[in-house]
């Protein structure tokens, strides 16, 4: 699976932080 980290600060929309695919890219 491609995996990702996201974050959400109070009052803000969820934001993409980083991702890694099955090939570790």
PDBML (XML) file of the C-alpha atoms, coordinates in Angstrom:
<?xml version="1.0" encoding="UTF-8" ?>
<PDBx:datablock datablockName="MODEL"
   xmlns:PDBx="http://pdbml.pdb.org/schema/pdbx-v50.xsd"
   xmlns:xsi="http://www.w3.org/2001/XMLSchema-instance"
   xsi:schemaLocation="http://pdbml.pdb.org/schema/pdbx-v50.xsd pdbx-v50.xsd">
   <PDBx:atom_siteCategory>
      <PDBx:atom_site id="1">
         <PDBx:B_iso_or_equiv>0.00</PDBx:B_iso_or_equiv>
         <PDBx:Cartn_x>0.000</PDBx:Cartn_x>
         <PDBx:Cartn_y>0.000</PDBx:Cartn_y>
         <PDBx:Cartn_z>0.000</PDBx:Cartn_z>
         <PDBx:auth_asym_id>A</PDBx:auth_asym_id>
         <PDBx:auth_atom_id>CA</PDBx:auth_atom_id>
         <PDBx:auth_comp_id>UNK</PDBx:auth_comp_id>
         <PDBx:auth_seq_id>1</PDBx:auth_seq_id>
         <PDBx:group_PDB>ATOM</PDBx:group_PDB>
         <PDBx:label_alt_id xsi:nil="true" />
         <PDBx:label_asym_id>A</PDBx:label_asym_id>
         <PDBx:label_atom_id>CA</PDBx:label_atom_id>
         <PDBx:label_comp_id>UNK</PDBx:label_comp_id>
         <PDBx:label_entity_id>1</PDBx:label_entity_id>
         <PDBx:label_seq_id>1</PDBx:label_seq_id>
         <PDBx:occupancy>1.00</PDBx:occupancy>
         <PDBx:pdbx_PDB_model_num>1</PDBx:pdbx_PDB_model_num>
         <PDBx:type_symbol>C</PDBx:type_symbol>
      </PDBx:atom_site>
      <PDBx:atom_site id="2">
         <PDBx:B_iso_or_equiv>0.00</PDBx:B_iso_or_equiv>
         <PDBx:Cartn_x>0.917</PDBx:Cartn_x>
         <PDBx:Cartn_y>3.589</PDBx:Cartn_y>
         <PDBx:Cartn_z>-0.535</PDBx:Cartn_z>
         <PDBx:auth_asym_id>A</PDBx:auth_asym_id>
         <PDBx:auth_atom_id>CA</PDBx:auth_atom_id>
         <PDBx:auth_comp_id>UNK</PDBx:auth_comp_id>
         <PDBx:auth_seq_id>2</PDBx:auth_seq_id>
         <PDBx:group_PDB>ATOM</PDBx:group_PDB>
         <PDBx:label_alt_id xsi:nil="true" />
         <PDBx:label_asym_id>A</PDBx:label_asym_id>
         <PDBx:label_atom_id>CA</PDBx:label_atom_id>
         <PDBx:label_comp_id>UNK</PDBx:label_comp_id>
         <PDBx:label_entity_id>1</PDBx:label_entity_id>
         <PDBx:label_seq_id>2</PDBx:label_seq_id>
         <PDBx:occupancy>1.00</PDBx:occupancy>
         <PDBx:pdbx_PDB_model_num>1</PDBx:pdbx_PDB_model_num>
         <PDBx:type_symbol>C</PDBx:type_symbol>
      </PDBx:atom_site>
      <PDBx:atom_site id="3">
         <PDBx:B_iso_or_equiv>0.00</PDBx:B_iso_or_equiv>
         <PDBx:Cartn_x>0.957</PDBx:Cartn_x>
         <PDBx:Cartn_y>5.208</PDBx:Cartn_y>
         <PDBx:Cartn_z>2.888</PDBx:Cartn_z>
         <PDBx:auth_asym_id>A</PDBx:auth_asym_id>
         <PDBx:auth_atom_id>CA</PDBx:auth_atom_id>
         <PDBx:auth_comp_id>UNK</PDBx:auth_comp_id>
         <PDBx:auth_seq_id>3</PDBx:auth_seq_id>
         <PDBx:group_PDB>ATOM</PDBx:group_PDB>
         <PDBx:label_alt_id xsi:nil="true" />
         <PDBx:label_asym_id>A</PDBx:label_asym_id>
         <PDBx:label_atom_id>CA</PDBx:label_atom_id>
         <PDBx:label_comp_id>UNK</PDBx:label_comp_id>
         <PDBx:label_entity_id>1</PDBx:label_entity_id>
         <PDBx:label_seq_id>3</PDBx:label_seq_id>
         <PDBx:occupancy>1.00</PDBx:occupancy>
         <PDBx:pdbx_PDB_model_num>1</PDBx:pdbx_PDB_model_num>
         <PDBx:type_symbol>C</PDBx:type_symbol>
      </PDBx:atom_site>
      <PDBx:atom_site id="4">
         <PDBx:B_iso_or_equiv>0.00</PDBx:B_iso_or_equiv>
         <PDBx:Cartn_x>0.664</PDBx:Cartn_x>
         <PDBx:Cartn_y>8.819</PDBx:Cartn_y>
         <PDBx:Cartn_z>3.865</PDBx:Cartn_z>
         <PDBx:auth_asym_id>A</PDBx:auth_asym_id>
         <PDBx:auth_atom_id>CA</PDBx:auth_atom_id>
         <PDBx:auth_comp_id>UNK</PDBx:auth_comp_id>
         <PDBx:auth_seq_id>4</PDBx:auth_seq_id>
         <PDBx:group_PDB>ATOM</PDBx:group_PDB>
         <PDBx:label_alt_id xsi:nil="true" />
         <PDBx:label_asym_id>A</PDBx:label_asym_id>
         <PDBx:label_atom_id>CA</PDBx:label_atom_id>
         <PDBx:label_comp_id>UNK</PDBx:label_comp_id>
         <PDBx:label_entity_id>1</PDBx:label_entity_id>
         <PDBx:label_seq_id>4</PDBx:label_seq_id>
         <PDBx:occupancy>1.00</PDBx:occupancy>
         <PDBx:pdbx_PDB_model_num>1</PDBx:pdbx_PDB_model_num>
         <PDBx:type_symbol>C</PDBx:type_symbol>
      </PDBx:atom_site>
      <PDBx:atom_site id="5">
         <PDBx:B_iso_or_equiv>0.00</PDBx:B_iso_or_equiv>
         <PDBx:Cartn_x>0.779</PDBx:Cartn_x>
         <PDBx:Cartn_y>11.194</PDBx:Cartn_y>
         <PDBx:Cartn_z>6.786</PDBx:Cartn_z>
         <PDBx:auth_asym_id>A</PDBx:auth_asym_id>
         <PDBx:auth_atom_id>CA</PDBx:auth_atom_id>
         <PDBx:auth_comp_id>UNK</PDBx:auth_comp_id>
         <PDBx:auth_seq_id>5</PDBx:auth_seq_id>
         <PDBx:group_PDB>ATOM</PDBx:group_PDB>
         <PDBx:label_alt_id xsi:nil="true" />
         <PDBx:label_asym_id>A</PDBx:label_asym_id>
         <PDBx:label_atom_id>CA</PDBx:label_atom_id>
         <PDBx:label_comp_id>UNK</PDBx:label_comp_id>
         <PDBx:label_entity_id>1</PDBx:label_entity_id>
         <PDBx:label_seq_id>5</PDBx:label_seq_id>
         <PDBx:occupancy>1.00</PDBx:occupancy>
         <PDBx:pdbx_PDB_model_num>1</PDBx:pdbx_PDB_model_num>
         <PDBx:type_symbol>C</PDBx:type_symbol>
      </PDBx:atom_site>
      <PDBx:atom_site id="6">
         <PDBx:B_iso_or_equiv>0.00</PDBx:B_iso_or_equiv>
         <PDBx:Cartn_x>-1.652</PDBx:Cartn_x>
         <PDBx:Cartn_y>14.075</PDBx:Cartn_y>
         <PDBx:Cartn_z>7.063</PDBx:Cartn_z>
         <PDBx:auth_asym_id>A</PDBx:auth_asym_id>
         <PDBx:auth_atom_id>CA</PDBx:auth_atom_id>
         <PDBx:auth_comp_id>UNK</PDBx:auth_comp_id>
         <PDBx:auth_seq_id>6</PDBx:auth_seq_id>
         <PDBx:group_PDB>ATOM</PDBx:group_PDB>
         <PDBx:label_alt_id xsi:nil="true" />
         <PDBx:label_asym_id>A</PDBx:label_asym_id>
         <PDBx:label_atom_id>CA</PDBx:label_atom_id>
         <PDBx:label_comp_id>UNK</PDBx:label_comp_id>
         <PDBx:label_entity_id>1</PDBx:label_entity_id>
         <PDBx:label_seq_id>6</PDBx:label_seq_id>
         <PDBx:occupancy>1.00</PDBx:occupancy>
         <PDBx:pdbx_PDB_model_num>1</PDBx:pdbx_PDB_model_num>
         <PDBx:type_symbol>C</PDBx:type_symbol>
      </PDBx:atom_site>
      <PDBx:atom_site id="7">
         <PDBx:B_iso_or_equiv>0.00</PDBx:B_iso_or_equiv>
         <PDBx:Cartn_x>-2.282</PDBx:Cartn_x>
         <PDBx:Cartn_y>16.672</PDBx:Cartn_y>
         <PDBx:Cartn_z>9.729</PDBx:Cartn_z>
         <PDBx:auth_asym_id>A</PDBx:auth_asym_id>
         <PDBx:auth_atom_id>CA</PDBx:auth_atom_id>
         <PDBx:auth_comp_id>UNK</PDBx:auth_comp_id>
         <PDBx:auth_seq_id>7</PDBx:auth_seq_id>
         <PDBx:group_PDB>ATOM</PDBx:group_PDB>
         <PDBx:label_alt_id xsi:nil="true" />
         <PDBx:label_asym_id>A</PDBx:label_asym_id>
         <PDBx:label_atom_id>CA</PDBx:label_atom_id>
         <PDBx:label_comp_id>UNK</PDBx:label_comp_id>
         <PDBx:label_entity_id>1</PDBx:label_entity_id>
         <PDBx:label_seq_id>7</PDBx:label_seq_id>
         <PDBx:occupancy>1.00</PDBx:occupancy>
         <PDBx:pdbx_PDB_model_num>1</PDBx:pdbx_PDB_model_num>
         <PDBx:type_symbol>C</PDBx:type_symbol>
      </PDBx:atom_site>
      <PDBx:atom_site id="8">
         <PDBx:B_iso_or_equiv>0.00</PDBx:B_iso_or_equiv>
         <PDBx:Cartn_x>-5.086</PDBx:Cartn_x>
         <PDBx:Cartn_y>18.919</PDBx:Cartn_y>
         <PDBx:Cartn_z>10.833</PDBx:Cartn_z>
         <PDBx:auth_asym_id>A</PDBx:auth_asym_id>
         <PDBx:auth_atom_id>CA</PDBx:auth_atom_id>
         <PDBx:auth_comp_id>UNK</PDBx:auth_comp_id>
         <PDBx:auth_seq_id>8</PDBx:auth_seq_id>
         <PDBx:group_PDB>ATOM</PDBx:group_PDB>
         <PDBx:label_alt_id xsi:nil="true" />
         <PDBx:label_asym_id>A</PDBx:label_asym_id>
         <PDBx:label_atom_id>CA</PDBx:label_atom_id>
         <PDBx:label_comp_id>UNK</PDBx:label_comp_id>
         <PDBx:label_entity_id>1</PDBx:label_entity_id>
         <PDBx:label_seq_id>8</PDBx:label_seq_id>
         <PDBx:occupancy>1.00</PDBx:occupancy>
         <PDBx:pdbx_PDB_model_num>1</PDBx:pdbx_PDB_model_num>
         <PDBx:type_symbol>C</PDBx:type_symbol>
      </PDBx:atom_site>
      <PDBx:atom_site id="9">
         <PDBx:B_iso_or_equiv>0.00</PDBx:B_iso_or_equiv>
         <PDBx:Cartn_x>-4.669</PDBx:Cartn_x>
         <PDBx:Cartn_y>21.982</PDBx:Cartn_y>
         <PDBx:Cartn_z>12.964</PDBx:Cartn_z>
         <PDBx:auth_asym_id>A</PDBx:auth_asym_id>
         <PDBx:auth_atom_id>CA</PDBx:auth_atom_id>
         <PDBx:auth_comp_id>UNK</PDBx:auth_comp_id>
         <PDBx:auth_seq_id>9</PDBx:auth_seq_id>
         <PDBx:group_PDB>ATOM</PDBx:group_PDB>
         <PDBx:label_alt_id xsi:nil="true" />
         <PDBx:label_asym_id>A</PDBx:label_asym_id>
         <PDBx:label_atom_id>CA</PDBx:label_atom_id>
         <PDBx:label_comp_id>UNK</PDBx:label_comp_id>
         <PDBx:label_entity_id>1</PDBx:label_entity_id>
         <PDBx:label_seq_id>9</PDBx:label_seq_id>
         <PDBx:occupancy>1.00</PDBx:occupancy>
         <PDBx:pdbx_PDB_model_num>1</PDBx:pdbx_PDB_model_num>
         <PDBx:type_symbol>C</PDBx:type_symbol>
      </PDBx:atom_site>
      <PDBx:atom_site id="10">
         <PDBx:B_iso_or_equiv>0.00</PDBx:B_iso_or_equiv>
         <PDBx:Cartn_x>-7.606</PDBx:Cartn_x>
         <PDBx:Cartn_y>23.552</PDBx:Cartn_y>
         <PDBx:Cartn_z>14.838</PDBx:Cartn_z>
         <PDBx:auth_asym_id>A</PDBx:auth_asym_id>
         <PDBx:auth_atom_id>CA</PDBx:auth_atom_id>
         <PDBx:auth_comp_id>UNK</PDBx:auth_comp_id>
         <PDBx:auth_seq_id>10</PDBx:auth_seq_id>
         <PDBx:group_PDB>ATOM</PDBx:group_PDB>
         <PDBx:label_alt_id xsi:nil="true" />
         <PDBx:label_asym_id>A</PDBx:label_asym_id>
         <PDBx:label_atom_id>CA</PDBx:label_atom_id>
         <PDBx:label_comp_id>UNK</PDBx:label_comp_id>
         <PDBx:label_entity_id>1</PDBx:label_entity_id>
         <PDBx:label_seq_id>10</PDBx:label_seq_id>
         <PDBx:occupancy>1.00</PDBx:occupancy>
         <PDBx:pdbx_PDB_model_num>1</PDBx:pdbx_PDB_model_num>
         <PDBx:type_symbol>C</PDBx:type_symbol>
      </PDBx:atom_site>
      <PDBx:atom_site id="11">
         <PDBx:B_iso_or_equiv>0.00</PDBx:B_iso_or_equiv>
         <PDBx:Cartn_x>-9.834</PDBx:Cartn_x>
         <PDBx:Cartn_y>25.479</PDBx:Cartn_y>
         <PDBx:Cartn_z>12.479</PDBx:Cartn_z>
         <PDBx:auth_asym_id>A</PDBx:auth_asym_id>
         <PDBx:auth_atom_id>CA</PDBx:auth_atom_id>
         <PDBx:auth_comp_id>UNK</PDBx:auth_comp_id>
         <PDBx:auth_seq_id>11</PDBx:auth_seq_id>
         <PDBx:group_PDB>ATOM</PDBx:group_PDB>
         <PDBx:label_alt_id xsi:nil="true" />
         <PDBx:label_asym_id>A</PDBx:label_asym_id>
         <PDBx:label_atom_id>CA</PDBx:label_atom_id>
         <PDBx:label_comp_id>UNK</PDBx:label_comp_id>
         <PDBx:label_entity_id>1</PDBx:label_entity_id>
         <PDBx:label_seq_id>11</PDBx:label_seq_id>
         <PDBx:occupancy>1.00</PDBx:occupancy>
         <PDBx:pdbx_PDB_model_num>1</PDBx:pdbx_PDB_model_num>
         <PDBx:type_symbol>C</PDBx:type_symbol>
      </PDBx:atom_site>
      <PDBx:atom_site id="12">
         <PDBx:B_iso_or_equiv>0.00</PDBx:B_iso_or_equiv>
         <PDBx:Cartn_x>-7.936</PDBx:Cartn_x>
         <PDBx:Cartn_y>24.331</PDBx:Cartn_y>
         <PDBx:Cartn_z>9.396</PDBx:Cartn_z>
         <PDBx:auth_asym_id>A</PDBx:auth_asym_id>
         <PDBx:auth_atom_id>CA</PDBx:auth_atom_id>
         <PDBx:auth_comp_id>UNK</PDBx:auth_comp_id>
         <PDBx:auth_seq_id>12</PDBx:auth_seq_id>
         <PDBx:group_PDB>ATOM</PDBx:group_PDB>
         <PDBx:label_alt_id xsi:nil="true" />
         <PDBx:label_asym_id>A</PDBx:label_asym_id>
         <PDBx:label_atom_id>CA</PDBx:label_atom_id>
         <PDBx:label_comp_id>UNK</PDBx:label_comp_id>
         <PDBx:label_entity_id>1</PDBx:label_entity_id>
         <PDBx:label_seq_id>12</PDBx:label_seq_id>
         <PDBx:occupancy>1.00</PDBx:occupancy>
         <PDBx:pdbx_PDB_model_num>1</PDBx:pdbx_PDB_model_num>
         <PDBx:type_symbol>C</PDBx:type_symbol>
      </PDBx:atom_site>
      <PDBx:atom_site id="13">
         <PDBx:B_iso_or_equiv>0.00</PDBx:B_iso_or_equiv>
         <PDBx:Cartn_x>-8.469</PDBx:Cartn_x>
         <PDBx:Cartn_y>21.713</PDBx:Cartn_y>
         <PDBx:Cartn_z>6.734</PDBx:Cartn_z>
         <PDBx:auth_asym_id>A</PDBx:auth_asym_id>
         <PDBx:auth_atom_id>CA</PDBx:auth_atom_id>
         <PDBx:auth_comp_id>UNK</PDBx:auth_comp_id>
         <PDBx:auth_seq_id>13</PDBx:auth_seq_id>
         <PDBx:group_PDB>ATOM</PDBx:group_PDB>
         <PDBx:label_alt_id xsi:nil="true" />
         <PDBx:label_asym_id>A</PDBx:label_asym_id>
         <PDBx:label_atom_id>CA</PDBx:label_atom_id>
         <PDBx:label_comp_id>UNK</PDBx:label_comp_id>
         <PDBx:label_entity_id>1</PDBx:label_entity_id>
         <PDBx:label_seq_id>13</PDBx:label_seq_id>
         <PDBx:occupancy>1.00</PDBx:occupancy>
         <PDBx:pdbx_PDB_model_num>1</PDBx:pdbx_PDB_model_num>
         <PDBx:type_symbol>C</PDBx:type_symbol>
      </PDBx:atom_site>
      <PDBx:atom_site id="14">
         <PDBx:B_iso_or_equiv>0.00</PDBx:B_iso_or_equiv>
         <PDBx:Cartn_x>-6.596</PDBx:Cartn_x>
         <PDBx:Cartn_y>18.437</PDBx:Cartn_y>
         <PDBx:Cartn_z>6.783</PDBx:Cartn_z>
         <PDBx:auth_asym_id>A</PDBx:auth_asym_id>
         <PDBx:auth_atom_id>CA</PDBx:auth_atom_id>
         <PDBx:auth_comp_id>UNK</PDBx:auth_comp_id>
         <PDBx:auth_seq_id>14</PDBx:auth_seq_id>
         <PDBx:group_PDB>ATOM</PDBx:group_PDB>
         <PDBx:label_alt_id xsi:nil="true" />
         <PDBx:label_asym_id>A</PDBx:label_asym_id>
         <PDBx:label_atom_id>CA</PDBx:label_atom_id>
         <PDBx:label_comp_id>UNK</PDBx:label_comp_id>
         <PDBx:label_entity_id>1</PDBx:label_entity_id>
         <PDBx:label_seq_id>14</PDBx:label_seq_id>
         <PDBx:occupancy>1.00</PDBx:occupancy>
         <PDBx:pdbx_PDB_model_num>1</PDBx:pdbx_PDB_model_num>
         <PDBx:type_symbol>C</PDBx:type_symbol>
      </PDBx:atom_site>
      <PDBx:atom_site id="15">
         <PDBx:B_iso_or_equiv>0.00</PDBx:B_iso_or_equiv>
         <PDBx:Cartn_x>-3.223</PDBx:Cartn_x>
         <PDBx:Cartn_y>18.854</PDBx:Cartn_y>
         <PDBx:Cartn_z>5.058</PDBx:Cartn_z>
         <PDBx:auth_asym_id>A</PDBx:auth_asym_id>
         <PDBx:auth_atom_id>CA</PDBx:auth_atom_id>
         <PDBx:auth_comp_id>UNK</PDBx:auth_comp_id>
         <PDBx:auth_seq_id>15</PDBx:auth_seq_id>
         <PDBx:group_PDB>ATOM</PDBx:group_PDB>
         <PDBx:label_alt_id xsi:nil="true" />
         <PDBx:label_asym_id>A</PDBx:label_asym_id>
         <PDBx:label_atom_id>CA</PDBx:label_atom_id>
         <PDBx:label_comp_id>UNK</PDBx:label_comp_id>
         <PDBx:label_entity_id>1</PDBx:label_entity_id>
         <PDBx:label_seq_id>15</PDBx:label_seq_id>
         <PDBx:occupancy>1.00</PDBx:occupancy>
         <PDBx:pdbx_PDB_model_num>1</PDBx:pdbx_PDB_model_num>
         <PDBx:type_symbol>C</PDBx:type_symbol>
      </PDBx:atom_site>
      <PDBx:atom_site id="16">
         <PDBx:B_iso_or_equiv>0.00</PDBx:B_iso_or_equiv>
         <PDBx:Cartn_x>-1.070</PDBx:Cartn_x>
         <PDBx:Cartn_y>16.287</PDBx:Cartn_y>
         <PDBx:Cartn_z>3.306</PDBx:Cartn_z>
         <PDBx:auth_asym_id>A</PDBx:auth_asym_id>
         <PDBx:auth_atom_id>CA</PDBx:auth_atom_id>
         <PDBx:auth_comp_id>UNK</PDBx:auth_comp_id>
         <PDBx:auth_seq_id>16</PDBx:auth_seq_id>
         <PDBx:group_PDB>ATOM</PDBx:group_PDB>
         <PDBx:label_alt_id xsi:nil="true" />
         <PDBx:label_asym_id>A</PDBx:label_asym_id>
         <PDBx:label_atom_id>CA</PDBx:label_atom_id>
         <PDBx:label_comp_id>UNK</PDBx:label_comp_id>
         <PDBx:label_entity_id>1</PDBx:label_entity_id>
         <PDBx:label_seq_id>16</PDBx:label_seq_id>
         <PDBx:occupancy>1.00</PDBx:occupancy>
         <PDBx:pdbx_PDB_model_num>1</PDBx:pdbx_PDB_model_num>
         <PDBx:type_symbol>C</PDBx:type_symbol>
      </PDBx:atom_site>
      <PDBx:atom_site id="17">
         <PDBx:B_iso_or_equiv>0.00</PDBx:B_iso_or_equiv>
         <PDBx:Cartn_x>2.393</PDBx:Cartn_x>
         <PDBx:Cartn_y>16.003</PDBx:Cartn_y>
         <PDBx:Cartn_z>4.896</PDBx:Cartn_z>
         <PDBx:auth_asym_id>A</PDBx:auth_asym_id>
         <PDBx:auth_atom_id>CA</PDBx:auth_atom_id>
         <PDBx:auth_comp_id>UNK</PDBx:auth_comp_id>
         <PDBx:auth_seq_id>17</PDBx:auth_seq_id>
         <PDBx:group_PDB>ATOM</PDBx:group_PDB>
         <PDBx:label_alt_id xsi:nil="true" />
         <PDBx:label_asym_id>A</PDBx:label_asym_id>
         <PDBx:label_atom_id>CA</PDBx:label_atom_id>
         <PDBx:label_comp_id>UNK</PDBx:label_comp_id>
         <PDBx:label_entity_id>1</PDBx:label_entity_id>
         <PDBx:label_seq_id>17</PDBx:label_seq_id>
         <PDBx:occupancy>1.00</PDBx:occupancy>
         <PDBx:pdbx_PDB_model_num>1</PDBx:pdbx_PDB_model_num>
         <PDBx:type_symbol>C</PDBx:type_symbol>
      </PDBx:atom_site>
      <PDBx:atom_site id="18">
         <PDBx:B_iso_or_equiv>0.00</PDBx:B_iso_or_equiv>
         <PDBx:Cartn_x>4.237</PDBx:Cartn_x>
         <PDBx:Cartn_y>13.109</PDBx:Cartn_y>
         <PDBx:Cartn_z>3.266</PDBx:Cartn_z>
         <PDBx:auth_asym_id>A</PDBx:auth_asym_id>
         <PDBx:auth_atom_id>CA</PDBx:auth_atom_id>
         <PDBx:auth_comp_id>UNK</PDBx:auth_comp_id>
         <PDBx:auth_seq_id>18</PDBx:auth_seq_id>
         <PDBx:group_PDB>ATOM</PDBx:group_PDB>
         <PDBx:label_alt_id xsi:nil="true" />
         <PDBx:label_asym_id>A</PDBx:label_asym_id>
         <PDBx:label_atom_id>CA</PDBx:label_atom_id>
         <PDBx:label_comp_id>UNK</PDBx:label_comp_id>
         <PDBx:label_entity_id>1</PDBx:label_entity_id>
         <PDBx:label_seq_id>18</PDBx:label_seq_id>
         <PDBx:occupancy>1.00</PDBx:occupancy>
         <PDBx:pdbx_PDB_model_num>1</PDBx:pdbx_PDB_model_num>
         <PDBx:type_symbol>C</PDBx:type_symbol>
      </PDBx:atom_site>
      <PDBx:atom_site id="19">
         <PDBx:B_iso_or_equiv>0.00</PDBx:B_iso_or_equiv>
         <PDBx:Cartn_x>3.730</PDBx:Cartn_x>
         <PDBx:Cartn_y>9.848</PDBx:Cartn_y>
         <PDBx:Cartn_z>1.434</PDBx:Cartn_z>
         <PDBx:auth_asym_id>A</PDBx:auth_asym_id>
         <PDBx:auth_atom_id>CA</PDBx:auth_atom_id>
         <PDBx:auth_comp_id>UNK</PDBx:auth_comp_id>
         <PDBx:auth_seq_id>19</PDBx:auth_seq_id>
         <PDBx:group_PDB>ATOM</PDBx:group_PDB>
         <PDBx:label_alt_id xsi:nil="true" />
         <PDBx:label_asym_id>A</PDBx:label_asym_id>
         <PDBx:label_atom_id>CA</PDBx:label_atom_id>
         <PDBx:label_comp_id>UNK</PDBx:label_comp_id>
         <PDBx:label_entity_id>1</PDBx:label_entity_id>
         <PDBx:label_seq_id>19</PDBx:label_seq_id>
         <PDBx:occupancy>1.00</PDBx:occupancy>
         <PDBx:pdbx_PDB_model_num>1</PDBx:pdbx_PDB_model_num>
         <PDBx:type_symbol>C</PDBx:type_symbol>
      </PDBx:atom_site>
      <PDBx:atom_site id="20">
         <PDBx:B_iso_or_equiv>0.00</PDBx:B_iso_or_equiv>
         <PDBx:Cartn_x>5.636</PDBx:Cartn_x>
         <PDBx:Cartn_y>6.685</PDBx:Cartn_y>
         <PDBx:Cartn_z>0.587</PDBx:Cartn_z>
         <PDBx:auth_asym_id>A</PDBx:auth_asym_id>
         <PDBx:auth_atom_id>CA</PDBx:auth_atom_id>
         <PDBx:auth_comp_id>UNK</PDBx:auth_comp_id>
         <PDBx:auth_seq_id>20</PDBx:auth_seq_id>
         <PDBx:group_PDB>ATOM</PDBx:group_PDB>
         <PDBx:label_alt_id xsi:nil="true" />
         <PDBx:label_asym_id>A</PDBx:label_asym_id>
         <PDBx:label_atom_id>CA</PDBx:label_atom_id>
         <PDBx:label_comp_id>UNK</PDBx:label_comp_id>
         <PDBx:label_entity_id>1</PDBx:label_entity_id>
         <PDBx:label_seq_id>20</PDBx:label_seq_id>
         <PDBx:occupancy>1.00</PDBx:occupancy>
         <PDBx:pdbx_PDB_model_num>1</PDBx:pdbx_PDB_model_num>
         <PDBx:type_symbol>C</PDBx:type_symbol>
      </PDBx:atom_site>
      <PDBx:atom_site id="21">
         <PDBx:B_iso_or_equiv>0.00</PDBx:B_iso_or_equiv>
         <PDBx:Cartn_x>4.731</PDBx:Cartn_x>
         <PDBx:Cartn_y>4.044</PDBx:Cartn_y>
         <PDBx:Cartn_z>-1.953</PDBx:Cartn_z>
         <PDBx:auth_asym_id>A</PDBx:auth_asym_id>
         <PDBx:auth_atom_id>CA</PDBx:auth_atom_id>
         <PDBx:auth_comp_id>UNK</PDBx:auth_comp_id>
         <PDBx:auth_seq_id>21</PDBx:auth_seq_id>
         <PDBx:group_PDB>ATOM</PDBx:group_PDB>
         <PDBx:label_alt_id xsi:nil="true" />
         <PDBx:label_asym_id>A</PDBx:label_asym_id>
         <PDBx:label_atom_id>CA</PDBx:label_atom_id>
         <PDBx:label_comp_id>UNK</PDBx:label_comp_id>
         <PDBx:label_entity_id>1</PDBx:label_entity_id>
         <PDBx:label_seq_id>21</PDBx:label_seq_id>
         <PDBx:occupancy>1.00</PDBx:occupancy>
         <PDBx:pdbx_PDB_model_num>1</PDBx:pdbx_PDB_model_num>
         <PDBx:type_symbol>C</PDBx:type_symbol>
      </PDBx:atom_site>
      <PDBx:atom_site id="22">
         <PDBx:B_iso_or_equiv>0.00</PDBx:B_iso_or_equiv>
         <PDBx:Cartn_x>5.415</PDBx:Cartn_x>
         <PDBx:Cartn_y>0.319</PDBx:Cartn_y>
         <PDBx:Cartn_z>-2.006</PDBx:Cartn_z>
         <PDBx:auth_asym_id>A</PDBx:auth_asym_id>
         <PDBx:auth_atom_id>CA</PDBx:auth_atom_id>
         <PDBx:auth_comp_id>UNK</PDBx:auth_comp_id>
         <PDBx:auth_seq_id>22</PDBx:auth_seq_id>
         <PDBx:group_PDB>ATOM</PDBx:group_PDB>
         <PDBx:label_alt_id xsi:nil="true" />
         <PDBx:label_asym_id>A</PDBx:label_asym_id>
         <PDBx:label_atom_id>CA</PDBx:label_atom_id>
         <PDBx:label_comp_id>UNK</PDBx:label_comp_id>
         <PDBx:label_entity_id>1</PDBx:label_entity_id>
         <PDBx:label_seq_id>22</PDBx:label_seq_id>
         <PDBx:occupancy>1.00</PDBx:occupancy>
         <PDBx:pdbx_PDB_model_num>1</PDBx:pdbx_PDB_model_num>
         <PDBx:type_symbol>C</PDBx:type_symbol>
      </PDBx:atom_site>
      <PDBx:atom_site id="23">
         <PDBx:B_iso_or_equiv>0.00</PDBx:B_iso_or_equiv>
         <PDBx:Cartn_x>8.758</PDBx:Cartn_x>
         <PDBx:Cartn_y>0.971</PDBx:Cartn_y>
         <PDBx:Cartn_z>-3.739</PDBx:Cartn_z>
         <PDBx:auth_asym_id>A</PDBx:auth_asym_id>
         <PDBx:auth_atom_id>CA</PDBx:auth_atom_id>
         <PDBx:auth_comp_id>UNK</PDBx:auth_comp_id>
         <PDBx:auth_seq_id>23</PDBx:auth_seq_id>
         <PDBx:group_PDB>ATOM</PDBx:group_PDB>
         <PDBx:label_alt_id xsi:nil="true" />
         <PDBx:label_asym_id>A</PDBx:label_asym_id>
         <PDBx:label_atom_id>CA</PDBx:label_atom_id>
         <PDBx:label_comp_id>UNK</PDBx:label_comp_id>
         <PDBx:label_entity_id>1</PDBx:label_entity_id>
         <PDBx:label_seq_id>23</PDBx:label_seq_id>
         <PDBx:occupancy>1.00</PDBx:occupancy>
         <PDBx:pdbx_PDB_model_num>1</PDBx:pdbx_PDB_model_num>
         <PDBx:type_symbol>C</PDBx:type_symbol>
      </PDBx:atom_site>
      <PDBx:atom_site id="24">
         <PDBx:B_iso_or_equiv>0.00</PDBx:B_iso_or_equiv>
         <PDBx:Cartn_x>9.711</PDBx:Cartn_x>
         <PDBx:Cartn_y>3.364</PDBx:Cartn_y>
         <PDBx:Cartn_z>-0.917</PDBx:Cartn_z>
         <PDBx:auth_asym_id>A</PDBx:auth_asym_id>
         <PDBx:auth_atom_id>CA</PDBx:auth_atom_id>
         <PDBx:auth_comp_id>UNK</PDBx:auth_comp_id>
         <PDBx:auth_seq_id>24</PDBx:auth_seq_id>
         <PDBx:group_PDB>ATOM</PDBx:group_PDB>
         <PDBx:label_alt_id xsi:nil="true" />
         <PDBx:label_asym_id>A</PDBx:label_asym_id>
         <PDBx:label_atom_id>CA</PDBx:label_atom_id>
         <PDBx:label_comp_id>UNK</PDBx:label_comp_id>
         <PDBx:label_entity_id>1</PDBx:label_entity_id>
         <PDBx:label_seq_id>24</PDBx:label_seq_id>
         <PDBx:occupancy>1.00</PDBx:occupancy>
         <PDBx:pdbx_PDB_model_num>1</PDBx:pdbx_PDB_model_num>
         <PDBx:type_symbol>C</PDBx:type_symbol>
      </PDBx:atom_site>
      <PDBx:atom_site id="25">
         <PDBx:B_iso_or_equiv>0.00</PDBx:B_iso_or_equiv>
         <PDBx:Cartn_x>9.538</PDBx:Cartn_x>
         <PDBx:Cartn_y>6.388</PDBx:Cartn_y>
         <PDBx:Cartn_z>-3.174</PDBx:Cartn_z>
         <PDBx:auth_asym_id>A</PDBx:auth_asym_id>
         <PDBx:auth_atom_id>CA</PDBx:auth_atom_id>
         <PDBx:auth_comp_id>UNK</PDBx:auth_comp_id>
         <PDBx:auth_seq_id>25</PDBx:auth_seq_id>
         <PDBx:group_PDB>ATOM</PDBx:group_PDB>
         <PDBx:label_alt_id xsi:nil="true" />
         <PDBx:label_asym_id>A</PDBx:label_asym_id>
         <PDBx:label_atom_id>CA</PDBx:label_atom_id>
         <PDBx:label_comp_id>UNK</PDBx:label_comp_id>
         <PDBx:label_entity_id>1</PDBx:label_entity_id>
         <PDBx:label_seq_id>25</PDBx:label_seq_id>
         <PDBx:occupancy>1.00</PDBx:occupancy>
         <PDBx:pdbx_PDB_model_num>1</PDBx:pdbx_PDB_model_num>
         <PDBx:type_symbol>C</PDBx:type_symbol>
      </PDBx:atom_site>
   </PDBx:atom_siteCategory>
</PDBx:datablock>
